Amino acid sequence: MSENNRRYKRHDIQIDVVLTLMENKPQTIRTHDISEGGMFLATNSNLFPLGEMVHIQYNDPLKNNTETEVDAIIVRLSDNGVGIAFIDMDAF
């Protein structure tokens, strides 16, 4: 997918986020990039199943480092990480 077809612009920002997958212990992972709709996490994708819901906590650099907690779904796996899309649980 080319950059022009994306709904949200990606920002080349690397920060630590706390990710919780199902009932596993929270773990700190570094981002590769961030957008308003999700982020790409630099990690071993073998540890994460496609379609799995996760919970993310971080200080959002796109919103003046506001403390942020979001639910997300793993939408992409690659050799160098996983892509997650934020979801609004209130919509369900």
PDB file of N, CA and C in Angstrom:
ATOM      1  N   MET A   1       0.853  -1.168   0.000  1.00  0.00           N
ATOM      2  CA  MET A   1       0.000   0.000   0.000  1.00  0.00           C
ATOM      3  C   MET A   1       0.900   1.232   0.000  1.00  0.00           C
ATOM      4  N   SER A   2       0.659   2.138  -0.885  1.00  0.00           N
ATOM      5  CA  SER A   2       1.492   3.330  -0.945  1.00  0.00           C
ATOM      6  C   SER A   2       1.069   4.335   0.113  1.00  0.00           C
ATOM      7  N   GLU A   3       1.966   5.236   0.430  1.00  0.00           N
ATOM      8  CA  GLU A   3       1.708   6.257   1.449  1.00  0.00           C
ATOM      9  C   GLU A   3       0.464   7.064   1.098  1.00  0.00           C
ATOM     10  N   ASN A   4       0.218   7.333  -0.201  1.00  0.00           N
ATOM     11  CA  ASN A   4      -0.911   8.154  -0.615  1.00  0.00           C
ATOM     12  C   ASN A   4      -2.257   7.484  -0.393  1.00  0.00           C
ATOM     13  N   ASN A   5      -2.300   6.163  -0.283  1.00  0.00           N
ATOM     14  CA  ASN A   5      -3.557   5.454  -0.075  1.00  0.00           C
ATOM     15  C   ASN A   5      -3.911   5.289   1.396  1.00  0.00           C
ATOM     16  N   ARG A   6      -3.057   5.712   2.282  1.00  0.00           N
ATOM     17  CA  ARG A   6      -3.310   5.550   3.709  1.00  0.00           C
ATOM     18  C   ARG A   6      -4.290   6.610   4.199  1.00  0.00           C
ATOM     19  N   ARG A   7      -5.116   6.197   5.136  1.00  0.00           N
ATOM     20  CA  ARG A   7      -6.097   7.122   5.708  1.00  0.00           C
ATOM     21  C   ARG A   7      -5.425   8.157   6.604  1.00  0.00           C
ATOM     22  N   TYR A   8      -4.407   7.707   7.356  1.00  0.00           N
ATOM     23  CA  TYR A   8      -3.695   8.585   8.285  1.00  0.00           C
ATOM     24  C   TYR A   8      -2.220   8.652   7.906  1.00  0.00           C
ATOM     25  N   LYS A   9      -1.652   9.843   8.025  1.00  0.00           N
ATOM     26  CA  LYS A   9      -0.226  10.027   7.746  1.00  0.00           C
ATOM     27  C   LYS A   9       0.601   9.364   8.837  1.00  0.00           C
ATOM     28  N   ARG A  10       1.624   8.614   8.419  1.00  0.00           N
ATOM     29  CA  ARG A  10       2.533   7.984   9.384  1.00  0.00           C
ATOM     30  C   ARG A  10       3.614   8.976   9.798  1.00  0.00           C
ATOM     31  N   HIS A  11       3.978   8.916  11.058  1.00  0.00           N
ATOM     32  CA  HIS A  11       5.047   9.768  11.588  1.00  0.00           C
ATOM     33  C   HIS A  11       6.169   8.856  12.078  1.00  0.00           C
ATOM     34  N   ASP A  12       7.364   9.108  11.609  1.00  0.00           N
ATOM     35  CA  ASP A  12       8.537   8.303  11.960  1.00  0.00           C
ATOM     36  C   ASP A  12       8.960   8.654  13.388  1.00  0.00           C
ATOM     37  N   ILE A  13       8.275   8.060  14.348  1.00  0.00           N
ATOM     38  CA  ILE A  13       8.491   8.361  15.764  1.00  0.00           C
ATOM     39  C   ILE A  13       8.739   7.050  16.505  1.00  0.00           C
ATOM     40  N   GLN A  14       9.800   7.027  17.290  1.00  0.00           N
ATOM     41  CA  GLN A  14      10.113   5.850  18.079  1.00  0.00           C
ATOM     42  C   GLN A  14       9.949   6.183  19.558  1.00  0.00           C
ATOM     43  N   ILE A  15       8.980   5.538  20.180  1.00  0.00           N
ATOM     44  CA  ILE A  15       8.753   5.679  21.620  1.00  0.00           C
ATOM     45  C   ILE A  15       8.489   4.285  22.188  1.00  0.00           C
ATOM     46  N   ASP A  16       8.591   4.165  23.493  1.00  0.00           N
ATOM     47  CA  ASP A  16       8.230   2.920  24.153  1.00  0.00           C
ATOM     48  C   ASP A  16       6.749   2.936  24.483  1.00  0.00           C
ATOM     49  N   VAL A  17       6.086   1.818  24.240  1.00  0.00           N
ATOM     50  CA  VAL A  17       4.687   1.648  24.605  1.00  0.00           C
ATOM     51  C   VAL A  17       4.567   0.380  25.442  1.00  0.00           C
ATOM     52  N   VAL A  18       3.549   0.324  26.277  1.00  0.00           N
ATOM     53  CA  VAL A  18       3.280  -0.878  27.061  1.00  0.00           C
ATOM     54  C   VAL A  18       2.126  -1.611  26.386  1.00  0.00           C
ATOM     55  N   LEU A  19       2.389  -2.836  25.965  1.00  0.00           N
ATOM     56  CA  LEU A  19       1.414  -3.631  25.244  1.00  0.00           C
ATOM     57  C   LEU A  19       0.988  -4.811  26.113  1.00  0.00           C
ATOM     58  N   THR A  20      -0.317  -5.033  26.182  1.00  0.00           N
ATOM     59  CA  THR A  20      -0.848  -6.195  26.884  1.00  0.00           C
ATOM     60  C   THR A  20      -1.630  -7.022  25.878  1.00  0.00           C
ATOM     61  N   LEU A  21      -1.250  -8.261  25.739  1.00  0.00           N
ATOM     62  CA  LEU A  21      -1.883  -9.202  24.818  1.00  0.00           C
ATOM     63  C   LEU A  21      -2.651 -10.233  25.635  1.00  0.00           C
ATOM     64  N   MET A  22      -3.990 -10.212  25.490  1.00  0.00           N
ATOM     65  CA  MET A  22      -4.844 -11.152  26.211  1.00  0.00           C
ATOM     66  C   MET A  22      -4.470 -11.176  27.693  1.00  0.00           C
ATOM     67  N   GLU A  23      -4.181 -12.348  28.221  1.00  0.00           N
ATOM     68  CA  GLU A  23      -3.901 -12.460  29.650  1.00  0.00           C
ATOM     69  C   GLU A  23      -2.410 -12.527  29.946  1.00  0.00           C
ATOM     70  N   ASN A  24      -1.576 -12.166  28.984  1.00  0.00           N
ATOM     71  CA  ASN A  24      -0.131 -12.149  29.189  1.00  0.00           C
ATOM     72  C   ASN A  24       0.259 -10.926  30.015  1.00  0.00           C
ATOM     73  N   LYS A  25       1.452 -10.965  30.570  1.00  0.00           N
ATOM     74  CA  LYS A  25       1.977  -9.821  31.306  1.00  0.00           C
ATOM     75  C   LYS A  25       2.227  -8.673  30.328  1.00  0.00           C
ATOM     76  N   PRO A  26       2.037  -7.429  30.785  1.00  0.00           N
ATOM     77  CA  PRO A  26       2.360  -6.287  29.931  1.00  0.00           C
ATOM     78  C   PRO A  26       3.844  -6.305  29.566  1.00  0.00           C
ATOM     79  N   GLN A  27       4.137  -5.847  28.356  1.00  0.00           N
ATOM     80  CA  GLN A  27       5.531  -5.772  27.925  1.00  0.00           C
ATOM     81  C   GLN A  27       5.778  -4.440  27.233  1.00  0.00           C
ATOM     82  N   THR A  28       6.988  -3.934  27.377  1.00  0.00           N
ATOM     83  CA  THR A  28       7.359  -2.672  26.749  1.00  0.00           C
ATOM     84  C   THR A  28       7.964  -2.963  25.382  1.00  0.00           C
ATOM     85  N   ILE A  29       7.438  -2.268  24.374  1.00  0.00           N
ATOM     86  CA  ILE A  29       7.871  -2.454  22.989  1.00  0.00           C
ATOM     87  C   ILE A  29       8.100  -1.079  22.378  1.00  0.00           C
ATOM     88  N   ARG A  30       9.051  -0.986  21.458  1.00  0.00           N
ATOM     89  CA  ARG A  30       9.390   0.276  20.785  1.00  0.00           C
ATOM     90  C   ARG A  30       8.595   0.397  19.492  1.00  0.00           C
ATOM     91  N   THR A  31       8.096   1.586  19.220  1.00  0.00           N
ATOM     92  CA  THR A  31       7.393   1.821  17.957  1.00  0.00           C
ATOM     93  C   THR A  31       8.391   2.079  16.836  1.00  0.00           C
ATOM     94  N   HIS A  32       7.944   1.828  15.634  1.00  0.00           N
ATOM     95  CA  HIS A  32       8.706   2.183  14.430  1.00  0.00           C
ATOM     96  C   HIS A  32       8.107   3.453  13.835  1.00  0.00           C
ATOM     97  N   ASP A  33       6.780   3.501  13.817  1.00  0.00           N
ATOM     98  CA  ASP A  33       6.077   4.705  13.392  1.00  0.00           C
ATOM     99  C   ASP A  33       4.697   4.728  14.040  1.00  0.00           C
ATOM    100  N   ILE A  34       4.078   5.923  14.003  1.00  0.00           N
ATOM    101  CA  ILE A  34       2.783   6.144  14.641  1.00  0.00           C
ATOM    102  C   ILE A  34       1.915   6.975  13.710  1.00  0.00           C
ATOM    103  N   SER A  35       0.616   6.697  13.709  1.00  0.00           N
ATOM    104  CA  SER A  35      -0.354   7.546  13.019  1.00  0.00           C
ATOM    105  C   SER A  35      -1.545   7.724  13.946  1.00  0.00           C
ATOM    106  N   GLU A  36      -2.522   8.499  13.517  1.00  0.00           N
ATOM    107  CA  GLU A  36      -3.720   8.681  14.334  1.00  0.00           C
ATOM    108  C   GLU A  36      -4.562   7.413  14.377  1.00  0.00           C
ATOM    109  N   GLY A  37      -4.333   6.491  13.443  1.00  0.00           N
ATOM    110  CA  GLY A  37      -5.136   5.284  13.369  1.00  0.00           C
ATOM    111  C   GLY A  37      -4.461   4.022  13.864  1.00  0.00           C
ATOM    112  N   GLY A  38      -3.165   4.100  14.200  1.00  0.00           N
ATOM    113  CA  GLY A  38      -2.462   2.908  14.647  1.00  0.00           C
ATOM    114  C   GLY A  38      -0.974   3.141  14.759  1.00  0.00           C
ATOM    115  N   MET A  39      -0.231   2.032  14.847  1.00  0.00           N
ATOM    116  CA  MET A  39       1.221   2.144  14.933  1.00  0.00           C
ATOM    117  C   MET A  39       1.859   0.840  14.479  1.00  0.00           C
ATOM    118  N   PHE A  40       3.142   0.923  14.149  1.00  0.00           N
ATOM    119  CA  PHE A  40       3.915  -0.263  13.816  1.00  0.00           C
ATOM    120  C   PHE A  40       4.909  -0.474  14.939  1.00  0.00           C
ATOM    121  N   LEU A  41       4.917  -1.684  15.489  1.00  0.00           N
ATOM    122  CA  LEU A  41       5.773  -2.014  16.626  1.00  0.00           C
ATOM    123  C   LEU A  41       6.931  -2.884  16.166  1.00  0.00           C
ATOM    124  N   ALA A  42       8.139  -2.489  16.520  1.00  0.00           N
ATOM    125  CA  ALA A  42       9.344  -3.232  16.146  1.00  0.00           C
ATOM    126  C   ALA A  42       9.527  -4.383  17.128  1.00  0.00           C
ATOM    127  N   THR A  43       9.160  -5.584  16.697  1.00  0.00           N
ATOM    128  CA  THR A  43       9.232  -6.748  17.577  1.00  0.00           C
ATOM    129  C   THR A  43       9.184  -8.024  16.748  1.00  0.00           C
ATOM    130  N   ASN A  44       9.365  -9.139  17.380  1.00  0.00           N
ATOM    131  CA  ASN A  44       9.288 -10.432  16.720  1.00  0.00           C
ATOM    132  C   ASN A  44       7.818 -10.760  16.473  1.00  0.00           C
ATOM    133  N   SER A  45       7.401 -10.761  15.218  1.00  0.00           N
ATOM    134  CA  SER A  45       5.988 -10.969  14.906  1.00  0.00           C
ATOM    135  C   SER A  45       5.510 -12.376  15.219  1.00  0.00           C
ATOM    136  N   ASN A  46       6.419 -13.325  15.430  1.00  0.00           N
ATOM    137  CA  ASN A  46       6.013 -14.694  15.762  1.00  0.00           C
ATOM    138  C   ASN A  46       5.312 -14.776  17.112  1.00  0.00           C
ATOM    139  N   LEU A  47       5.473 -13.748  17.929  1.00  0.00           N
ATOM    140  CA  LEU A  47       4.867 -13.755  19.258  1.00  0.00           C
ATOM    141  C   LEU A  47       3.432 -13.253  19.261  1.00  0.00           C
ATOM    142  N   PHE A  48       2.955 -12.752  18.129  1.00  0.00           N
ATOM    143  CA  PHE A  48       1.654 -12.095  18.076  1.00  0.00           C
ATOM    144  C   PHE A  48       0.791 -12.679  16.957  1.00  0.00           C
ATOM    145  N   PRO A  49      -0.421 -13.135  17.289  1.00  0.00           N
ATOM    146  CA  PRO A  49      -1.309 -13.678  16.257  1.00  0.00           C
ATOM    147  C   PRO A  49      -2.073 -12.569  15.518  1.00  0.00           C
ATOM    148  N   LEU A  50      -2.146 -12.692  14.227  1.00  0.00           N
ATOM    149  CA  LEU A  50      -2.911 -11.763  13.399  1.00  0.00           C
ATOM    150  C   LEU A  50      -4.368 -11.774  13.850  1.00  0.00           C
ATOM    151  N   GLY A  51      -4.959 -10.593  13.979  1.00  0.00           N
ATOM    152  CA  GLY A  51      -6.354 -10.483  14.392  1.00  0.00           C
ATOM    153  C   GLY A  51      -6.574 -10.432  15.888  1.00  0.00           C
ATOM    154  N   GLU A  52      -5.507 -10.571  16.672  1.00  0.00           N
ATOM    155  CA  GLU A  52      -5.620 -10.571  18.136  1.00  0.00           C
ATOM    156  C   GLU A  52      -5.808  -9.143  18.647  1.00  0.00           C
ATOM    157  N   MET A  53      -6.647  -9.003  19.674  1.00  0.00           N
ATOM    158  CA  MET A  53      -6.821  -7.698  20.304  1.00  0.00           C
ATOM    159  C   MET A  53      -5.722  -7.477  21.330  1.00  0.00           C
ATOM    160  N   VAL A  54      -5.270  -6.237  21.429  1.00  0.00           N
ATOM    161  CA  VAL A  54      -4.245  -5.853  22.395  1.00  0.00           C
ATOM    162  C   VAL A  54      -4.662  -4.544  23.054  1.00  0.00           C
ATOM    163  N   HIS A  55      -4.035  -4.251  24.168  1.00  0.00           N
ATOM    164  CA  HIS A  55      -4.245  -2.980  24.861  1.00  0.00           C
ATOM    165  C   HIS A  55      -2.901  -2.262  24.895  1.00  0.00           C
ATOM    166  N   ILE A  56      -2.897  -0.978  24.551  1.00  0.00           N
ATOM    167  CA  ILE A  56      -1.669  -0.190  24.459  1.00  0.00           C
ATOM    168  C   ILE A  56      -1.755   1.009  25.396  1.00  0.00           C
ATOM    169  N   GLN A  57      -0.661   1.265  26.129  1.00  0.00           N
ATOM    170  CA  GLN A  57      -0.543   2.458  26.964  1.00  0.00           C
ATOM    171  C   GLN A  57       0.721   3.198  26.550  1.00  0.00           C
ATOM    172  N   TYR A  58       0.607   4.515  26.357  1.00  0.00           N
ATOM    173  CA  TYR A  58       1.766   5.307  25.946  1.00  0.00           C
ATOM    174  C   TYR A  58       1.465   6.794  26.091  1.00  0.00           C
ATOM    175  N   ASN A  59       2.506   7.586  26.037  1.00  0.00           N
ATOM    176  CA  ASN A  59       2.372   9.041  25.993  1.00  0.00           C
ATOM    177  C   ASN A  59       2.386   9.439  24.527  1.00  0.00           C
ATOM    178  N   ASP A  60       1.252   9.917  24.031  1.00  0.00           N
ATOM    179  CA  ASP A  60       1.057  10.165  22.605  1.00  0.00           C
ATOM    180  C   ASP A  60       1.793  11.423  22.145  1.00  0.00           C
ATOM    181  N   PRO A  61       2.875  11.261  21.365  1.00  0.00           N
ATOM    182  CA  PRO A  61       3.628  12.421  20.892  1.00  0.00           C
ATOM    183  C   PRO A  61       2.853  13.261  19.880  1.00  0.00           C
ATOM    184  N   LEU A  62       1.789  12.716  19.306  1.00  0.00           N
ATOM    185  CA  LEU A  62       0.964  13.478  18.362  1.00  0.00           C
ATOM    186  C   LEU A  62      -0.047  14.355  19.088  1.00  0.00           C
ATOM    187  N   LYS A  63      -0.161  14.163  20.406  1.00  0.00           N
ATOM    188  CA  LYS A  63      -1.111  14.929  21.219  1.00  0.00           C
ATOM    189  C   LYS A  63      -0.426  15.466  22.463  1.00  0.00           C
ATOM    190  N   ASN A  64       0.718  16.119  22.271  1.00  0.00           N
ATOM    191  CA  ASN A  64       1.473  16.742  23.370  1.00  0.00           C
ATOM    192  C   ASN A  64       1.797  15.777  24.500  1.00  0.00           C
ATOM    193  N   ASN A  65       2.141  14.534  24.145  1.00  0.00           N
ATOM    194  CA  ASN A  65       2.525  13.492  25.099  1.00  0.00           C
ATOM    195  C   ASN A  65       1.445  13.173  26.133  1.00  0.00           C
ATOM    196  N   THR A  66       0.192  13.295  25.711  1.00  0.00           N
ATOM    197  CA  THR A  66      -0.924  12.952  26.577  1.00  0.00           C
ATOM    198  C   THR A  66      -0.893  11.464  26.910  1.00  0.00           C
ATOM    199  N   GLU A  67      -1.085  11.132  28.197  1.00  0.00           N
ATOM    200  CA  GLU A  67      -1.170   9.722  28.589  1.00  0.00           C
ATOM    201  C   GLU A  67      -2.366   9.114  27.875  1.00  0.00           C
ATOM    202  N   THR A  68      -2.114   8.015  27.158  1.00  0.00           N
ATOM    203  CA  THR A  68      -3.129   7.424  26.298  1.00  0.00           C
ATOM    204  C   THR A  68      -3.230   5.930  26.537  1.00  0.00           C
ATOM    205  N   GLU A  69      -4.440   5.425  26.560  1.00  0.00           N
ATOM    206  CA  GLU A  69      -4.706   3.989  26.608  1.00  0.00           C
ATOM    207  C   GLU A  69      -5.699   3.686  25.505  1.00  0.00           C
ATOM    208  N   VAL A  70      -5.367   2.718  24.651  1.00  0.00           N
ATOM    209  CA  VAL A  70      -6.247   2.361  23.543  1.00  0.00           C
ATOM    210  C   VAL A  70      -6.282   0.847  23.375  1.00  0.00           C
ATOM    211  N   ASP A  71      -7.389   0.389  22.841  1.00  0.00           N
ATOM    212  CA  ASP A  71      -7.485  -0.988  22.409  1.00  0.00           C
ATOM    213  C   ASP A  71      -7.165  -1.008  20.925  1.00  0.00           C
ATOM    214  N   ALA A  72      -6.592  -2.107  20.479  1.00  0.00           N
ATOM    215  CA  ALA A  72      -6.180  -2.205  19.081  1.00  0.00           C
ATOM    216  C   ALA A  72      -6.260  -3.654  18.634  1.00  0.00           C
ATOM    217  N   ILE A  73      -6.130  -3.842  17.340  1.00  0.00           N
ATOM    218  CA  ILE A  73      -6.121  -5.181  16.771  1.00  0.00           C
ATOM    219  C   ILE A  73      -4.877  -5.320  15.893  1.00  0.00           C
ATOM    220  N   ILE A  74      -4.257  -6.478  15.936  1.00  0.00           N
ATOM    221  CA  ILE A  74      -3.075  -6.729  15.109  1.00  0.00           C
ATOM    222  C   ILE A  74      -3.547  -6.969  13.685  1.00  0.00           C
ATOM    223  N   VAL A  75      -3.123  -6.094  12.772  1.00  0.00           N
ATOM    224  CA  VAL A  75      -3.605  -6.155  11.393  1.00  0.00           C
ATOM    225  C   VAL A  75      -2.520  -6.501  10.383  1.00  0.00           C
ATOM    226  N   ARG A  76      -1.261  -6.531  10.821  1.00  0.00           N
ATOM    227  CA  ARG A  76      -0.173  -6.813   9.887  1.00  0.00           C
ATOM    228  C   ARG A  76       0.992  -7.454  10.628  1.00  0.00           C
ATOM    229  N   LEU A  77       1.549  -8.493  10.027  1.00  0.00           N
ATOM    230  CA  LEU A  77       2.744  -9.141  10.551  1.00  0.00           C
ATOM    231  C   LEU A  77       3.834  -9.044   9.500  1.00  0.00           C
ATOM    232  N   SER A  78       5.056  -8.752   9.935  1.00  0.00           N
ATOM    233  CA  SER A  78       6.190  -8.725   9.009  1.00  0.00           C
ATOM    234  C   SER A  78       7.421  -9.233   9.746  1.00  0.00           C
ATOM    235  N   ASP A  79       8.522  -9.369   9.022  1.00  0.00           N
ATOM    236  CA  ASP A  79       9.755  -9.867   9.629  1.00  0.00           C
ATOM    237  C   ASP A  79      10.290  -8.948  10.724  1.00  0.00           C
ATOM    238  N   ASN A  80       9.973  -7.645  10.638  1.00  0.00           N
ATOM    239  CA  ASN A  80      10.540  -6.706  11.602  1.00  0.00           C
ATOM    240  C   ASN A  80       9.525  -6.131  12.591  1.00  0.00           C
ATOM    241  N   GLY A  81       8.295  -6.684  12.624  1.00  0.00           N
ATOM    242  CA  GLY A  81       7.339  -6.189  13.595  1.00  0.00           C
ATOM    243  C   GLY A  81       5.897  -6.471  13.262  1.00  0.00           C
ATOM    244  N   VAL A  82       5.015  -5.751  13.966  1.00  0.00           N
ATOM    245  CA  VAL A  82       3.580  -5.914  13.776  1.00  0.00           C
ATOM    246  C   VAL A  82       2.913  -4.551  13.638  1.00  0.00           C
ATOM    247  N   GLY A  83       1.901  -4.502  12.800  1.00  0.00           N
ATOM    248  CA  GLY A  83       1.088  -3.303  12.646  1.00  0.00           C
ATOM    249  C   GLY A  83      -0.195  -3.470  13.425  1.00  0.00           C
ATOM    250  N   ILE A  84      -0.572  -2.436  14.163  1.00  0.00           N
ATOM    251  CA  ILE A  84      -1.821  -2.484  14.913  1.00  0.00           C
ATOM    252  C   ILE A  84      -2.692  -1.298  14.513  1.00  0.00           C
ATOM    253  N   ALA A  85      -4.001  -1.545  14.492  1.00  0.00           N
ATOM    254  CA  ALA A  85      -4.978  -0.497  14.207  1.00  0.00           C
ATOM    255  C   ALA A  85      -5.794  -0.244  15.471  1.00  0.00           C
ATOM    256  N   PHE A  86      -5.919   1.025  15.837  1.00  0.00           N
ATOM    257  CA  PHE A  86      -6.696   1.386  17.013  1.00  0.00           C
ATOM    258  C   PHE A  86      -8.173   1.113  16.740  1.00  0.00           C
ATOM    259  N   ILE A  87      -8.886   0.666  17.765  1.00  0.00           N
ATOM    260  CA  ILE A  87     -10.333   0.457  17.642  1.00  0.00           C
ATOM    261  C   ILE A  87     -11.034   1.167  18.784  1.00  0.00           C
ATOM    262  N   ASP A  88     -12.254   1.558  18.525  1.00  0.00           N
ATOM    263  CA  ASP A  88     -13.074   2.231  19.528  1.00  0.00           C
ATOM    264  C   ASP A  88     -14.027   1.203  20.107  1.00  0.00           C
ATOM    265  N   MET A  89     -13.734   0.722  21.299  1.00  0.00           N
ATOM    266  CA  MET A  89     -14.555  -0.314  21.917  1.00  0.00           C
ATOM    267  C   MET A  89     -15.958   0.197  22.235  1.00  0.00           C
ATOM    268  N   ASP A  90     -16.144   1.504  22.370  1.00  0.00           N
ATOM    269  CA  ASP A  90     -17.476   2.058  22.634  1.00  0.00           C
ATOM    270  C   ASP A  90     -18.404   1.847  21.446  1.00  0.00           C
ATOM    271  N   ALA A  91     -17.845   1.600  20.253  1.00  0.00           N
ATOM    272  CA  ALA A  91     -18.650   1.397  19.068  1.00  0.00           C
ATOM    273  C   ALA A  91     -19.305   0.017  19.049  1.00  0.00           C
ATOM    274  N   PHE A  92     -18.852  -0.889  19.931  1.00  0.00           N
ATOM    275  CA  PHE A  92     -19.398  -2.247  19.941  1.00  0.00           C
ATOM    276  C   PHE A  92     -20.502  -2.400  20.948  1.00  0.00           C
TER     277      PHE A  92
END
